[in-house]
Amino acid sequence: MSDAEVSVHIDAPADAVYSLVSDLTRMGEWSPECTKVAWRDGATGPRVGATFRGWNSRGPLRWFTDGKVSAAEPGRSFAFDVTSFGIGVARWGYGIEPDGDGPGCTLTETWDDHRSTVFKKITGLAIGVPDRRAHNTAGMEATLAKIKAAAEATSG
């Protein structure tokens, strides 16, 4: 079981939804905290092992994290692990379950906290988020609402 999980039904094909969530360069459009993502080390897209850097903000605070794709199954799942200066932070994942009787799907975003107890306290104080689970759940709800809107607008 994940530390946080949010699902939404989307009236769009699973492959189209996968294309949106796996295009990390668009994460700044969806997320209320992530502002930009760029592929690194020659990576140009979502494949297992591809690395990237993500920039985040909360009010006046700005920081970056590094990520590595850990799952990339088109139309089904996409996940990545995030670190900060080499320290494990989290795993973010997207599971896509196609409808059995129609063209839509259910998209589930998950977050697994990989921080140690000490690192949780330090990062909570540093960015003013003492309850990261509640904060991320709210952010995931906002993110999925934007992905849903984009997917349904293009699936028409």
C-alpha atoms as a PDB file:
ATOM      1  CA  MET A   1       0.000   0.000   0.000  1.00  0.00           C
ATOM      2  CA  SER A   2       1.255   3.457  -0.916  1.00  0.00           C
ATOM      3  CA  ASP A   3       1.671   6.365   1.477  1.00  0.00           C
ATOM      4  CA  ALA A   4      -0.818   8.312  -0.659  1.00  0.00           C
ATOM      5  CA  GLU A   5      -3.080   7.287  -3.536  1.00  0.00           C
ATOM      6  CA  VAL A   6      -5.607   9.167  -5.642  1.00  0.00           C
ATOM      7  CA  SER A   7      -7.683   7.896  -8.591  1.00  0.00           C
ATOM      8  CA  VAL A   8      -9.811   9.518 -11.264  1.00  0.00           C
ATOM      9  CA  HIS A   9     -11.864   8.137 -14.137  1.00  0.00           C
ATOM     10  CA  ILE A  10     -10.912   9.618 -17.516  1.00  0.00           C
ATOM     11  CA  ASP A  11     -12.980   9.432 -20.679  1.00  0.00           C
ATOM     12  CA  ALA A  12      -9.950   8.835 -22.886  1.00  0.00           C
ATOM     13  CA  PRO A  13      -8.029   5.746 -24.031  1.00  0.00           C
ATOM     14  CA  ALA A  14      -5.365   4.331 -21.703  1.00  0.00           C
ATOM     15  CA  ASP A  15      -2.611   4.887 -24.293  1.00  0.00           C
ATOM     16  CA  ALA A  16      -3.492   8.584 -24.572  1.00  0.00           C
ATOM     17  CA  VAL A  17      -3.448   8.978 -20.789  1.00  0.00           C
ATOM     18  CA  TYR A  18      -0.105   7.170 -20.595  1.00  0.00           C
ATOM     19  CA  SER A  19       1.323   9.564 -23.181  1.00  0.00           C
ATOM     20  CA  LEU A  20       0.413  12.486 -20.934  1.00  0.00           C
ATOM     21  CA  VAL A  21       1.693  11.137 -17.610  1.00  0.00           C
ATOM     22  CA  SER A  22       4.895   9.739 -19.068  1.00  0.00           C
ATOM     23  CA  ASP A  23       5.808  13.020 -20.780  1.00  0.00           C
ATOM     24  CA  LEU A  24       7.578  14.417 -17.744  1.00  0.00           C
ATOM     25  CA  THR A  25       8.439  17.615 -19.602  1.00  0.00           C
ATOM     26  CA  ARG A  26       4.746  18.501 -19.188  1.00  0.00           C
ATOM     27  CA  MET A  27       4.623  17.830 -15.421  1.00  0.00           C
ATOM     28  CA  GLY A  28       4.840  21.563 -14.740  1.00  0.00           C
ATOM     29  CA  GLU A  29       1.435  21.906 -16.452  1.00  0.00           C
ATOM     30  CA  TRP A  30      -0.200  19.387 -14.121  1.00  0.00           C
ATOM     31  CA  SER A  31       1.483  19.645 -10.733  1.00  0.00           C
ATOM     32  CA  PRO A  32       0.943  22.445  -8.203  1.00  0.00           C
ATOM     33  CA  GLU A  33       4.504  21.936  -6.876  1.00  0.00           C
ATOM     34  CA  CYS A  34       6.646  20.779  -9.798  1.00  0.00           C
ATOM     35  CA  THR A  35       7.349  23.645 -12.170  1.00  0.00           C
ATOM     36  CA  LYS A  36       9.593  22.035 -14.788  1.00  0.00           C
ATOM     37  CA  VAL A  37      11.228  18.733 -15.739  1.00  0.00           C
ATOM     38  CA  ALA A  38      14.087  18.134 -18.166  1.00  0.00           C
ATOM     39  CA  TRP A  39      15.545  14.829 -19.316  1.00  0.00           C
ATOM     40  CA  ARG A  40      19.231  14.289 -18.488  1.00  0.00           C
ATOM     41  CA  ASP A  41      22.201  12.183 -19.499  1.00  0.00           C
ATOM     42  CA  GLY A  42      21.009  11.754 -23.086  1.00  0.00           C
ATOM     43  CA  ALA A  43      17.499  10.624 -22.166  1.00  0.00           C
ATOM     44  CA  THR A  44      14.788  11.963 -24.443  1.00  0.00           C
ATOM     45  CA  GLY A  45      11.706  10.173 -23.185  1.00  0.00           C
ATOM     46  CA  PRO A  46      10.096   7.691 -20.841  1.00  0.00           C
ATOM     47  CA  ARG A  47      12.041   4.458 -20.670  1.00  0.00           C
ATOM     48  CA  VAL A  48      13.223   2.462 -17.678  1.00  0.00           C
ATOM     49  CA  GLY A  49      16.530   3.899 -16.521  1.00  0.00           C
ATOM     50  CA  ALA A  50      16.023   7.340 -18.087  1.00  0.00           C
ATOM     51  CA  THR A  51      17.064  10.179 -15.781  1.00  0.00           C
ATOM     52  CA  PHE A  52      15.705  13.673 -15.336  1.00  0.00           C
ATOM     53  CA  ARG A  53      15.805  16.736 -13.101  1.00  0.00           C
ATOM     54  CA  GLY A  54      12.663  18.312 -11.708  1.00  0.00           C
ATOM     55  CA  TRP A  55      12.328  21.842 -10.334  1.00  0.00           C
ATOM     56  CA  ASN A  56       9.783  22.574  -7.638  1.00  0.00           C
ATOM     57  CA  SER A  57       8.405  25.577  -5.804  1.00  0.00           C
ATOM     58  CA  ARG A  58       6.242  26.308  -2.808  1.00  0.00           C
ATOM     59  CA  GLY A  59       5.640  29.999  -2.293  1.00  0.00           C
ATOM     60  CA  PRO A  60       9.052  31.715  -2.427  1.00  0.00           C
ATOM     61  CA  LEU A  61      10.958  28.434  -1.931  1.00  0.00           C
ATOM     62  CA  ARG A  62      12.632  26.737  -4.907  1.00  0.00           C
ATOM     63  CA  TRP A  63      14.456  23.403  -5.088  1.00  0.00           C
ATOM     64  CA  PHE A  64      15.266  20.585  -7.489  1.00  0.00           C
ATOM     65  CA  THR A  65      15.301  16.817  -7.319  1.00  0.00           C
ATOM     66  CA  ASP A  66      16.721  14.142  -9.577  1.00  0.00           C
ATOM     67  CA  GLY A  67      14.707  11.230 -10.863  1.00  0.00           C
ATOM     68  CA  LYS A  68      15.045   7.915 -12.609  1.00  0.00           C
ATOM     69  CA  VAL A  69      12.264   6.078 -14.438  1.00  0.00           C
ATOM     70  CA  SER A  70      11.587   2.723 -12.757  1.00  0.00           C
ATOM     71  CA  ALA A  71       8.547   1.536 -14.774  1.00  0.00           C
ATOM     72  CA  ALA A  72       7.376   2.424 -18.274  1.00  0.00           C
ATOM     73  CA  GLU A  73       4.684   0.132 -19.641  1.00  0.00           C
ATOM     74  CA  PRO A  74       2.686   2.036 -22.280  1.00  0.00           C
ATOM     75  CA  GLY A  75      -1.017   2.153 -21.537  1.00  0.00           C
ATOM     76  CA  ARG A  76      -0.536   0.490 -18.123  1.00  0.00           C
ATOM     77  CA  SER A  77       2.010   2.024 -15.733  1.00  0.00           C
ATOM     78  CA  PHE A  78       4.675   4.648 -15.300  1.00  0.00           C
ATOM     79  CA  ALA A  79       6.811   5.281 -12.214  1.00  0.00           C
ATOM     80  CA  PHE A  80       9.967   7.046 -11.142  1.00  0.00           C
ATOM     81  CA  ASP A  81      12.183   7.338  -8.096  1.00  0.00           C
ATOM     82  CA  VAL A  82      13.232  10.756  -6.824  1.00  0.00           C
ATOM     83  CA  THR A  83      16.378  11.677  -4.904  1.00  0.00           C
ATOM     84  CA  SER A  84      17.782  14.869  -3.451  1.00  0.00           C
ATOM     85  CA  PHE A  85      21.573  15.067  -3.440  1.00  0.00           C
ATOM     86  CA  GLY A  86      21.682  11.272  -3.663  1.00  0.00           C
ATOM     87  CA  ILE A  87      19.249  10.694  -0.768  1.00  0.00           C
ATOM     88  CA  GLY A  88      16.083   8.718  -1.536  1.00  0.00           C
ATOM     89  CA  VAL A  89      12.975  10.895  -1.372  1.00  0.00           C
ATOM     90  CA  ALA A  90      10.049   9.072  -2.970  1.00  0.00           C
ATOM     91  CA  ARG A  91       8.601   6.892  -5.674  1.00  0.00           C
ATOM     92  CA  TRP A  92       5.815   8.404  -7.758  1.00  0.00           C
ATOM     93  CA  GLY A  93       3.690   6.087  -9.854  1.00  0.00           C
ATOM     94  CA  TYR A  94       0.793   6.106 -12.272  1.00  0.00           C
ATOM     95  CA  GLY A  95      -1.328   3.034 -12.862  1.00  0.00           C
ATOM     96  CA  ILE A  96      -3.800   2.982 -15.736  1.00  0.00           C
ATOM     97  CA  GLU A  97      -6.700   0.548 -15.773  1.00  0.00           C
ATOM     98  CA  PRO A  98      -8.640   0.500 -19.051  1.00  0.00           C
ATOM     99  CA  ASP A  99     -12.426   0.268 -18.832  1.00  0.00           C
ATOM    100  CA  GLY A 100     -13.728  -3.184 -19.614  1.00  0.00           C
ATOM    101  CA  ASP A 101     -16.680  -1.841 -21.558  1.00  0.00           C
ATOM    102  CA  GLY A 102     -15.605   1.442 -23.084  1.00  0.00           C
ATOM    103  CA  PRO A 103     -12.814   3.679 -24.293  1.00  0.00           C
ATOM    104  CA  GLY A 104     -12.036   5.287 -20.922  1.00  0.00           C
ATOM    105  CA  CYS A 105      -9.752   4.323 -18.062  1.00  0.00           C
ATOM    106  CA  THR A 106      -9.011   4.921 -14.403  1.00  0.00           C
ATOM    107  CA  LEU A 107      -5.759   6.701 -13.612  1.00  0.00           C
ATOM    108  CA  THR A 108      -4.282   6.175 -10.155  1.00  0.00           C
ATOM    109  CA  GLU A 109      -1.374   8.243  -8.880  1.00  0.00           C
ATOM    110  CA  THR A 110       0.647   6.897  -5.967  1.00  0.00           C
ATOM    111  CA  TRP A 111       3.336   8.314  -3.726  1.00  0.00           C
ATOM    112  CA  ASP A 112       5.667   6.243  -1.578  1.00  0.00           C
ATOM    113  CA  ASP A 113       7.800   8.173   0.903  1.00  0.00           C
ATOM    114  CA  HIS A 114      11.399   6.948   0.909  1.00  0.00           C
ATOM    115  CA  ARG A 115      12.739   9.539   3.374  1.00  0.00           C
ATOM    116  CA  SER A 116      14.180   8.544   6.725  1.00  0.00           C
ATOM    117  CA  THR A 117      12.483   9.876   9.861  1.00  0.00           C
ATOM    118  CA  VAL A 118      15.218  12.491  10.300  1.00  0.00           C
ATOM    119  CA  PHE A 119      15.051  13.574   6.641  1.00  0.00           C
ATOM    120  CA  LYS A 120      11.243  13.878   6.899  1.00  0.00           C
ATOM    121  CA  LYS A 121      11.616  16.305   9.791  1.00  0.00           C
ATOM    122  CA  ILE A 122      14.359  18.324   8.092  1.00  0.00           C
ATOM    123  CA  THR A 123      12.529  18.642   4.776  1.00  0.00           C
ATOM    124  CA  GLY A 124       9.218  19.348   6.520  1.00  0.00           C
ATOM    125  CA  LEU A 125      10.766  22.281   8.357  1.00  0.00           C
ATOM    126  CA  ALA A 126      12.753  23.481   5.334  1.00  0.00           C
ATOM    127  CA  ILE A 127       9.742  23.822   3.043  1.00  0.00           C
ATOM    128  CA  GLY A 128       7.007  24.304   5.620  1.00  0.00           C
ATOM    129  CA  VAL A 129       5.145  21.047   4.982  1.00  0.00           C
ATOM    130  CA  PRO A 130       4.997  19.044   8.216  1.00  0.00           C
ATOM    131  CA  ASP A 131       2.362  16.614   6.867  1.00  0.00           C
ATOM    132  CA  ARG A 132       3.738  15.607   3.465  1.00  0.00           C
ATOM    133  CA  ARG A 133       1.101  12.877   3.021  1.00  0.00           C
ATOM    134  CA  ALA A 134      -1.809  15.321   3.275  1.00  0.00           C
ATOM    135  CA  HIS A 135       0.037  17.900   1.190  1.00  0.00           C
ATOM    136  CA  ASN A 136       0.820  15.410  -1.570  1.00  0.00           C
ATOM    137  CA  THR A 137      -2.697  13.970  -1.560  1.00  0.00           C
ATOM    138  CA  ALA A 138      -4.122  17.434  -2.237  1.00  0.00           C
ATOM    139  CA  GLY A 139      -1.485  17.996  -4.923  1.00  0.00           C
ATOM    140  CA  MET A 140      -2.242  14.651  -6.530  1.00  0.00           C
ATOM    141  CA  GLU A 141      -5.955  15.497  -6.682  1.00  0.00           C
ATOM    142  CA  ALA A 142      -5.109  18.762  -8.464  1.00  0.00           C
ATOM    143  CA  THR A 143      -2.650  17.023 -10.789  1.00  0.00           C
ATOM    144  CA  LEU A 144      -5.115  14.305 -11.810  1.00  0.00           C
ATOM    145  CA  ALA A 145      -7.870  16.861 -12.426  1.00  0.00           C
ATOM    146  CA  LYS A 146      -5.601  18.685 -14.891  1.00  0.00           C
ATOM    147  CA  ILE A 147      -4.490  15.471 -16.601  1.00  0.00           C
ATOM    148  CA  LYS A 148      -8.140  14.394 -16.889  1.00  0.00           C
ATOM    149  CA  ALA A 149      -9.088  17.731 -18.469  1.00  0.00           C
ATOM    150  CA  ALA A 150      -6.214  17.574 -20.950  1.00  0.00           C
ATOM    151  CA  ALA A 151      -6.863  13.935 -21.890  1.00  0.00           C
ATOM    152  CA  GLU A 152     -10.588  14.451 -22.370  1.00  0.00           C
ATOM    153  CA  ALA A 153     -10.062  17.654 -24.380  1.00  0.00           C
ATOM    154  CA  THR A 154      -7.773  15.861 -26.851  1.00  0.00           C
ATOM    155  CA  SER A 155      -9.893  12.694 -27.031  1.00  0.00           C
ATOM    156  CA  GLY A 156     -12.912  14.802 -27.801  1.00  0.00           C
END
